[in-house]
Amino acid sequence: ERPFYLDRALSESSSQNDSGSAGSSEETDSVLLV
């Protein structure tokens, strides 16, 4: 019923990394963490 979400982590990651490659790397790390 409830997917695991990280609102705060995604918001901070979005503000600090403007480049596509950096964001892609962080999202991959987040998925791996999950």
PDB file of all heavy atoms in Angstrom:
ATOM      1  N   GLU A   1       0.813  -1.212   0.000  1.00  0.00           N
ATOM      2  CA  GLU A   1       0.000   0.000   0.000  1.00  0.00           C
ATOM      3  C   GLU A   1       0.853   1.272   0.000  1.00  0.00           C
ATOM      4  O   GLU A   1       0.423   2.305  -0.515  1.00  0.00           O
ATOM      5  CB  GLU A   1      -0.919  -0.012   1.233  1.00  0.00           C
ATOM      6  CG  GLU A   1      -1.935  -1.145   1.181  1.00  0.00           C
ATOM      7  CD  GLU A   1      -2.749  -1.177   2.451  1.00  0.00           C
ATOM      8  OE1 GLU A   1      -2.512  -0.302   3.328  1.00  0.00           O
ATOM      9  OE2 GLU A   1      -3.614  -2.066   2.590  1.00  0.00           O
ATOM     10  N   ARG A   2       2.034   1.203   0.598  1.00  0.00           N
ATOM     11  CA  ARG A   2       2.827   2.437   0.744  1.00  0.00           C
ATOM     12  C   ARG A   2       4.222   2.234   0.135  1.00  0.00           C
ATOM     13  O   ARG A   2       5.040   1.530   0.715  1.00  0.00           O
ATOM     14  CB  ARG A   2       2.963   2.807   2.219  1.00  0.00           C
ATOM     15  CG  ARG A   2       1.625   3.217   2.850  1.00  0.00           C
ATOM     16  CD  ARG A   2       1.827   3.594   4.290  1.00  0.00           C
ATOM     17  NE  ARG A   2       2.321   2.459   5.070  1.00  0.00           N
ATOM     18  CZ  ARG A   2       1.510   1.528   5.579  1.00  0.00           C
ATOM     19  NH1 ARG A   2       0.238   1.618   5.382  1.00  0.00           N
ATOM     20  NH2 ARG A   2       2.019   0.535   6.270  1.00  0.00           N
ATOM     21  N   PRO A   3       4.559   2.856  -1.003  1.00  0.00           N
ATOM     22  CA  PRO A   3       5.918   2.744  -1.571  1.00  0.00           C
ATOM     23  C   PRO A   3       6.920   3.500  -0.723  1.00  0.00           C
ATOM     24  O   PRO A   3       6.584   4.482  -0.057  1.00  0.00           O
ATOM     25  CB  PRO A   3       5.767   3.369  -2.959  1.00  0.00           C
ATOM     26  CG  PRO A   3       4.626   4.293  -2.835  1.00  0.00           C
ATOM     27  CD  PRO A   3       3.681   3.680  -1.863  1.00  0.00           C
ATOM     28  N   PHE A   4       8.108   2.947  -0.725  1.00  0.00           N
ATOM     29  CA  PHE A   4       9.168   3.609   0.054  1.00  0.00           C
ATOM     30  C   PHE A   4       9.592   4.892  -0.665  1.00  0.00           C
ATOM     31  O   PHE A   4       9.914   4.874  -1.847  1.00  0.00           O
ATOM     32  CB  PHE A   4      10.378   2.642   0.148  1.00  0.00           C
ATOM     33  CG  PHE A   4      11.435   3.101   1.085  1.00  0.00           C
ATOM     34  CD1 PHE A   4      11.306   2.879   2.431  1.00  0.00           C
ATOM     35  CD2 PHE A   4      12.553   3.761   0.611  1.00  0.00           C
ATOM     36  CE1 PHE A   4      12.282   3.299   3.293  1.00  0.00           C
ATOM     37  CE2 PHE A   4      13.534   4.161   1.490  1.00  0.00           C
ATOM     38  CZ  PHE A   4      13.402   3.942   2.846  1.00  0.00           C
ATOM     39  N   TYR A   5       9.586   6.005   0.044  1.00  0.00           N
ATOM     40  CA  TYR A   5       9.929   7.283  -0.609  1.00  0.00           C
ATOM     41  C   TYR A   5      10.886   8.075   0.286  1.00  0.00           C
ATOM     42  O   TYR A   5      10.892   7.908   1.502  1.00  0.00           O
ATOM     43  CB  TYR A   5       8.675   8.106  -0.905  1.00  0.00           C
ATOM     44  CG  TYR A   5       7.835   8.418   0.311  1.00  0.00           C
ATOM     45  CD1 TYR A   5       8.034   9.607   1.024  1.00  0.00           C
ATOM     46  CD2 TYR A   5       6.856   7.542   0.735  1.00  0.00           C
ATOM     47  CE1 TYR A   5       7.266   9.880   2.121  1.00  0.00           C
ATOM     48  CE2 TYR A   5       6.096   7.819   1.840  1.00  0.00           C
ATOM     49  CZ  TYR A   5       6.294   9.004   2.519  1.00  0.00           C
ATOM     50  OH  TYR A   5       5.524   9.271   3.609  1.00  0.00           O
ATOM     51  N   LEU A   6      11.635   8.949  -0.376  1.00  0.00           N
ATOM     52  CA  LEU A   6      12.642   9.772   0.314  1.00  0.00           C
ATOM     53  C   LEU A   6      12.454  11.205  -0.151  1.00  0.00           C
ATOM     54  O   LEU A   6      13.202  11.716  -1.009  1.00  0.00           O
ATOM     55  CB  LEU A   6      14.050   9.279  -0.029  1.00  0.00           C
ATOM     56  CG  LEU A   6      14.349   7.816   0.338  1.00  0.00           C
ATOM     57  CD1 LEU A   6      15.717   7.422  -0.224  1.00  0.00           C
ATOM     58  CD2 LEU A   6      14.314   7.640   1.816  1.00  0.00           C
ATOM     59  N   ASP A   7      11.443  11.863   0.339  1.00  0.00           N
ATOM     60  CA  ASP A   7      11.125  13.230  -0.120  1.00  0.00           C
ATOM     61  C   ASP A   7      12.273  14.202   0.152  1.00  0.00           C
ATOM     62  O   ASP A   7      12.680  14.986  -0.708  1.00  0.00           O
ATOM     63  CB  ASP A   7       9.871  13.739   0.583  1.00  0.00           C
ATOM     64  CG  ASP A   7       8.669  12.920   0.147  1.00  0.00           C
ATOM     65  OD1 ASP A   7       8.749  12.285  -0.930  1.00  0.00           O
ATOM     66  OD2 ASP A   7       7.661  12.892   0.887  1.00  0.00           O
ATOM     67  N   ARG A   8      12.780  14.128   1.361  1.00  0.00           N
ATOM     68  CA  ARG A   8      13.792  15.096   1.732  1.00  0.00           C
ATOM     69  C   ARG A   8      15.087  14.883   0.963  1.00  0.00           C
ATOM     70  O   ARG A   8      15.744  15.833   0.513  1.00  0.00           O
ATOM     71  CB  ARG A   8      14.069  15.013   3.236  1.00  0.00           C
ATOM     72  CG  ARG A   8      15.101  16.027   3.723  1.00  0.00           C
ATOM     73  CD  ARG A   8      15.225  15.943   5.216  1.00  0.00           C
ATOM     74  NE  ARG A   8      16.240  16.872   5.694  1.00  0.00           N
ATOM     75  CZ  ARG A   8      16.592  17.002   6.968  1.00  0.00           C
ATOM     76  NH1 ARG A   8      15.971  16.271   7.889  1.00  0.00           N
ATOM     77  NH2 ARG A   8      17.538  17.861   7.338  1.00  0.00           N
ATOM     78  N   ALA A   9      15.458  13.585   0.787  1.00  0.00           N
ATOM     79  CA  ALA A   9      16.710  13.295   0.069  1.00  0.00           C
ATOM     80  C   ALA A   9      16.633  13.742  -1.364  1.00  0.00           C
ATOM     81  O   ALA A   9      17.564  14.319  -1.908  1.00  0.00           O
ATOM     82  CB  ALA A   9      17.001  11.803   0.146  1.00  0.00           C
ATOM     83  N   LEU A  10      15.507  13.518  -2.025  1.00  0.00           N
ATOM     84  CA  LEU A  10      15.366  13.897  -3.420  1.00  0.00           C
ATOM     85  C   LEU A  10      15.346  15.404  -3.591  1.00  0.00           C
ATOM     86  O   LEU A  10      15.893  15.942  -4.550  1.00  0.00           O
ATOM     87  CB  LEU A  10      14.082  13.282  -3.992  1.00  0.00           C
ATOM     88  CG  LEU A  10      14.100  11.740  -4.113  1.00  0.00           C
ATOM     89  CD1 LEU A  10      12.757  11.253  -4.611  1.00  0.00           C
ATOM     90  CD2 LEU A  10      15.208  11.307  -5.056  1.00  0.00           C
ATOM     91  N   SER A  11      14.715  16.111  -2.630  1.00  0.00           N
ATOM     92  CA  SER A  11      14.650  17.577  -2.767  1.00  0.00           C
ATOM     93  C   SER A  11      16.046  18.191  -2.616  1.00  0.00           C
ATOM     94  O   SER A  11      16.425  19.097  -3.341  1.00  0.00           O
ATOM     95  CB  SER A  11      13.695  18.161  -1.726  1.00  0.00           C
ATOM     96  OG  SER A  11      14.156  17.855  -0.427  1.00  0.00           O
ATOM     97  N   GLU A  12      16.843  17.717  -1.659  1.00  0.00           N
ATOM     98  CA  GLU A  12      18.175  18.261  -1.452  1.00  0.00           C
ATOM     99  C   GLU A  12      19.097  17.901  -2.605  1.00  0.00           C
ATOM    100  O   GLU A  12      19.934  18.691  -3.055  1.00  0.00           O
ATOM    101  CB  GLU A  12      18.745  17.747  -0.128  1.00  0.00           C
ATOM    102  CG  GLU A  12      18.015  18.319   1.077  1.00  0.00           C
ATOM    103  CD  GLU A  12      18.663  17.837   2.365  1.00  0.00           C
ATOM    104  OE1 GLU A  12      19.661  17.085   2.275  1.00  0.00           O
ATOM    105  OE2 GLU A  12      18.169  18.208   3.455  1.00  0.00           O
ATOM    106  N   SER A  13      18.934  16.654  -3.097  1.00  0.00           N
ATOM    107  CA  SER A  13      19.773  16.251  -4.223  1.00  0.00           C
ATOM    108  C   SER A  13      19.479  17.067  -5.470  1.00  0.00           C
ATOM    109  O   SER A  13      20.364  17.428  -6.226  1.00  0.00           O
ATOM    110  CB  SER A  13      19.533  14.764  -4.504  1.00  0.00           C
ATOM    111  OG  SER A  13      20.195  14.352  -5.649  1.00  0.00           O
ATOM    112  N   SER A  14      18.228  17.436  -5.642  1.00  0.00           N
ATOM    113  CA  SER A  14      17.828  18.221  -6.807  1.00  0.00           C
ATOM    114  C   SER A  14      18.390  19.631  -6.759  1.00  0.00           C
ATOM    115  O   SER A  14      18.770  20.218  -7.759  1.00  0.00           O
ATOM    116  CB  SER A  14      16.308  18.253  -6.913  1.00  0.00           C
ATOM    117  OG  SER A  14      15.898  19.052  -7.971  1.00  0.00           O
ATOM    118  N   SER A  15      18.490  20.230  -5.544  1.00  0.00           N
ATOM    119  CA  SER A  15      18.975  21.610  -5.409  1.00  0.00           C
ATOM    120  C   SER A  15      20.491  21.695  -5.520  1.00  0.00           C
ATOM    121  O   SER A  15      21.048  22.706  -5.927  1.00  0.00           O
ATOM    122  CB  SER A  15      18.508  22.187  -4.072  1.00  0.00           C
ATOM    123  OG  SER A  15      19.043  21.418  -3.022  1.00  0.00           O
ATOM    124  N   GLN A  16      21.250  20.706  -5.139  1.00  0.00           N
ATOM    125  CA  GLN A  16      22.709  20.782  -5.106  1.00  0.00           C
ATOM    126  C   GLN A  16      23.344  20.336  -6.414  1.00  0.00           C
ATOM    127  O   GLN A  16      24.462  20.710  -6.734  1.00  0.00           O
ATOM    128  CB  GLN A  16      23.252  19.910  -3.955  1.00  0.00           C
ATOM    129  CG  GLN A  16      22.883  20.471  -2.581  1.00  0.00           C
ATOM    130  CD  GLN A  16      23.407  19.588  -1.466  1.00  0.00           C
ATOM    131  OE1 GLN A  16      24.048  18.570  -1.752  1.00  0.00           O
ATOM    132  NE2 GLN A  16      23.166  19.991  -0.232  1.00  0.00           N
ATOM    133  N   ASN A  17      22.704  19.486  -7.189  1.00  0.00           N
ATOM    134  CA  ASN A  17      23.309  18.964  -8.411  1.00  0.00           C
ATOM    135  C   ASN A  17      22.461  19.361  -9.600  1.00  0.00           C
ATOM    136  O   ASN A  17      21.342  18.880  -9.752  1.00  0.00           O
ATOM    137  CB  ASN A  17      23.419  17.445  -8.335  1.00  0.00           C
ATOM    138  CG  ASN A  17      24.314  16.999  -7.176  1.00  0.00           C
ATOM    139  OD1 ASN A  17      25.523  17.142  -7.231  1.00  0.00           O
ATOM    140  ND2 ASN A  17      23.688  16.527  -6.121  1.00  0.00           N
ATOM    141  N   ASP A  18      22.985  20.287 -10.431  1.00  0.00           N
ATOM    142  CA  ASP A  18      22.249  20.750 -11.606  1.00  0.00           C
ATOM    143  C   ASP A  18      22.612  19.954 -12.831  1.00  0.00           C
ATOM    144  O   ASP A  18      21.892  19.953 -13.814  1.00  0.00           O
ATOM    145  CB  ASP A  18      22.558  22.242 -11.881  1.00  0.00           C
ATOM    146  CG  ASP A  18      22.062  23.105 -10.744  1.00  0.00           C
ATOM    147  OD1 ASP A  18      21.057  22.674 -10.089  1.00  0.00           O
ATOM    148  OD2 ASP A  18      22.641  24.156 -10.489  1.00  0.00           O
ATOM    149  N   SER A  19      23.769  19.298 -12.841  1.00  0.00           N
ATOM    150  CA  SER A  19      24.194  18.568 -14.024  1.00  0.00           C
ATOM    151  C   SER A  19      23.474  17.238 -14.104  1.00  0.00           C
ATOM    152  O   SER A  19      23.146  16.643 -13.083  1.00  0.00           O
ATOM    153  CB  SER A  19      25.702  18.315 -13.980  1.00  0.00           C
ATOM    154  OG  SER A  19      26.032  17.504 -12.870  1.00  0.00           O
ATOM    155  N   GLY A  20      23.252  16.818 -15.362  1.00  0.00           N
ATOM    156  CA  GLY A  20      22.516  15.580 -15.579  1.00  0.00           C
ATOM    157  C   GLY A  20      23.278  14.377 -15.100  1.00  0.00           C
ATOM    158  O   GLY A  20      22.713  13.458 -14.569  1.00  0.00           O
ATOM    159  N   SER A  21      24.606  14.404 -15.271  1.00  0.00           N
ATOM    160  CA  SER A  21      25.382  13.231 -14.886  1.00  0.00           C
ATOM    161  C   SER A  21      25.434  13.051 -13.400  1.00  0.00           C
ATOM    162  O   SER A  21      25.336  11.940 -12.891  1.00  0.00           O
ATOM    163  CB  SER A  21      26.819  13.343 -15.459  1.00  0.00           C
ATOM    164  OG  SER A  21      27.459  14.487 -14.941  1.00  0.00           O
ATOM    165  N   ALA A  22      25.598  14.202 -12.710  1.00  0.00           N
ATOM    166  CA  ALA A  22      25.634  14.098 -11.234  1.00  0.00           C
ATOM    167  C   ALA A  22      24.321  13.614 -10.701  1.00  0.00           C
ATOM    168  O   ALA A  22      24.252  12.786  -9.805  1.00  0.00           O
ATOM    169  CB  ALA A  22      26.014  15.460 -10.641  1.00  0.00           C
ATOM    170  N   GLY A  23      23.210  14.183 -11.263  1.00  0.00           N
ATOM    171  CA  GLY A  23      21.875  13.758 -10.797  1.00  0.00           C
ATOM    172  C   GLY A  23      21.636  12.293 -11.093  1.00  0.00           C
ATOM    173  O   GLY A  23      21.049  11.587 -10.311  1.00  0.00           O
ATOM    174  N   SER A  24      22.071  11.859 -12.251  1.00  0.00           N
ATOM    175  CA  SER A  24      21.868  10.453 -12.609  1.00  0.00           C
ATOM    176  C   SER A  24      22.596   9.543 -11.670  1.00  0.00           C
ATOM    177  O   SER A  24      22.097   8.511 -11.260  1.00  0.00           O
ATOM    178  CB  SER A  24      22.330  10.241 -14.052  1.00  0.00           C
ATOM    179  OG  SER A  24      22.227   8.876 -14.396  1.00  0.00           O
ATOM    180  N   SER A  25      23.843   9.955 -11.311  1.00  0.00           N
ATOM    181  CA  SER A  25      24.626   9.135 -10.384  1.00  0.00           C
ATOM    182  C   SER A  25      23.959   9.044  -9.037  1.00  0.00           C
ATOM    183  O   SER A  25      23.907   8.000  -8.412  1.00  0.00           O
ATOM    184  CB  SER A  25      26.036   9.725 -10.257  1.00  0.00           C
ATOM    185  OG  SER A  25      26.771   9.003  -9.279  1.00  0.00           O
ATOM    186  N   GLU A  26      23.400  10.205  -8.565  1.00  0.00           N
ATOM    187  CA  GLU A  26      22.765  10.208  -7.243  1.00  0.00           C
ATOM    188  C   GLU A  26      21.500   9.371  -7.233  1.00  0.00           C
ATOM    189  O   GLU A  26      21.207   8.680  -6.262  1.00  0.00           O
ATOM    190  CB  GLU A  26      22.463  11.650  -6.844  1.00  0.00           C
ATOM    191  CG  GLU A  26      23.706  12.476  -6.544  1.00  0.00           C
ATOM    192  CD  GLU A  26      23.359  13.938  -6.346  1.00  0.00           C
ATOM    193  OE1 GLU A  26      22.174  14.267  -6.526  1.00  0.00           O
ATOM    194  OE2 GLU A  26      24.252  14.697  -5.994  1.00  0.00           O
ATOM    195  N   GLU A  27      20.732   9.459  -8.328  1.00  0.00           N
ATOM    196  CA  GLU A  27      19.505   8.664  -8.382  1.00  0.00           C
ATOM    197  C   GLU A  27      19.840   7.184  -8.384  1.00  0.00           C
ATOM    198  O   GLU A  27      19.152   6.381  -7.749  1.00  0.00           O
ATOM    199  CB  GLU A  27      18.712   9.017  -9.640  1.00  0.00           C
ATOM    200  CG  GLU A  27      18.081  10.412  -9.558  1.00  0.00           C
ATOM    201  CD  GLU A  27      17.368  10.763 -10.831  1.00  0.00           C
ATOM    202  OE1 GLU A  27      17.382   9.929 -11.775  1.00  0.00           O
ATOM    203  OE2 GLU A  27      16.778  11.833 -10.893  1.00  0.00           O
ATOM    204  N   THR A  28      20.919   6.828  -9.077  1.00  0.00           N
ATOM    205  CA  THR A  28      21.318   5.414  -9.096  1.00  0.00           C
ATOM    206  C   THR A  28      21.694   4.950  -7.713  1.00  0.00           C
ATOM    207  O   THR A  28      21.334   3.845  -7.280  1.00  0.00           O
ATOM    208  CB  THR A  28      22.507   5.219 -10.033  1.00  0.00           C
ATOM    209  OG1 THR A  28      22.125   5.662 -11.344  1.00  0.00           O
ATOM    210  CG2 THR A  28      22.930   3.743 -10.087  1.00  0.00           C
ATOM    211  N   ASP A  29      22.441   5.824  -7.006  1.00  0.00           N
ATOM    212  CA  ASP A  29      22.806   5.469  -5.627  1.00  0.00           C
ATOM    213  C   ASP A  29      21.578   5.303  -4.772  1.00  0.00           C
ATOM    214  O   ASP A  29      21.516   4.420  -3.913  1.00  0.00           O
ATOM    215  CB  ASP A  29      23.725   6.553  -5.018  1.00  0.00           C
ATOM    216  CG  ASP A  29      25.090   6.585  -5.734  1.00  0.00           C
ATOM    217  OD1 ASP A  29      25.422   5.538  -6.356  1.00  0.00           O
ATOM    218  OD2 ASP A  29      25.766   7.618  -5.656  1.00  0.00           O
ATOM    219  N   SER A  30      20.587   6.182  -4.988  1.00  0.00           N
ATOM    220  CA  SER A  30      19.358   6.082  -4.178  1.00  0.00           C
ATOM    221  C   SER A  30      18.659   4.781  -4.464  1.00  0.00           C
ATOM    222  O   SER A  30      18.168   4.103  -3.545  1.00  0.00           O
ATOM    223  CB  SER A  30      18.427   7.262  -4.490  1.00  0.00           C
ATOM    224  OG  SER A  30      19.061   8.473  -4.163  1.00  0.00           O
ATOM    225  N   VAL A  31      18.556   4.401  -5.717  1.00  0.00           N
ATOM    226  CA  VAL A  31      17.899   3.141  -6.056  1.00  0.00           C
ATOM    227  C   VAL A  31      18.633   1.969  -5.458  1.00  0.00           C
ATOM    228  O   VAL A  31      18.049   1.028  -4.941  1.00  0.00           O
ATOM    229  CB  VAL A  31      17.801   3.004  -7.583  1.00  0.00           C
ATOM    230  CG1 VAL A  31      17.296   1.619  -7.963  1.00  0.00           C
ATOM    231  CG2 VAL A  31      16.895   4.071  -8.146  1.00  0.00           C
ATOM    232  N   LEU A  32      19.992   2.013  -5.550  1.00  0.00           N
ATOM    233  CA  LEU A  32      20.772   0.939  -4.951  1.00  0.00           C
ATOM    234  C   LEU A  32      20.566   0.854  -3.465  1.00  0.00           C
ATOM    235  O   LEU A  32      20.493  -0.231  -2.893  1.00  0.00           O
ATOM    236  CB  LEU A  32      22.260   1.140  -5.263  1.00  0.00           C
ATOM    237  CG  LEU A  32      22.659   0.942  -6.734  1.00  0.00           C
ATOM    238  CD1 LEU A  32      24.126   1.303  -6.926  1.00  0.00           C
ATOM    239  CD2 LEU A  32      22.394  -0.495  -7.168  1.00  0.00           C
ATOM    240  N   LEU A  33      20.463   2.040  -2.813  1.00  0.00           N
ATOM    241  CA  LEU A  33      20.205   2.048  -1.368  1.00  0.00           C
ATOM    242  C   LEU A  33      18.882   1.398  -1.052  1.00  0.00           C
ATOM    243  O   LEU A  33      18.754   0.610  -0.110  1.00  0.00           O
ATOM    244  CB  LEU A  33      20.238   3.480  -0.841  1.00  0.00           C
ATOM    245  CG  LEU A  33      21.626   4.108  -0.688  1.00  0.00           C
ATOM    246  CD1 LEU A  33      21.495   5.584  -0.319  1.00  0.00           C
ATOM    247  CD2 LEU A  33      22.424   3.375   0.385  1.00  0.00           C
ATOM    248  N   VAL A  34      17.879   1.764  -1.844  1.00  0.00           N
ATOM    249  CA  VAL A  34      16.559   1.183  -1.583  1.00  0.00           C
ATOM    250  C   VAL A  34      16.584  -0.317  -1.789  1.00  0.00           C
ATOM    251  O   VAL A  34      16.040  -1.104  -1.014  1.00  0.00           O
ATOM    252  CB  VAL A  34      15.511   1.845  -2.494  1.00  0.00           C
ATOM    253  CG1 VAL A  34      14.167   1.122  -2.364  1.00  0.00           C
ATOM    254  CG2 VAL A  34      15.357   3.304  -2.144  1.00  0.00           C
TER     255      VAL A  34
END
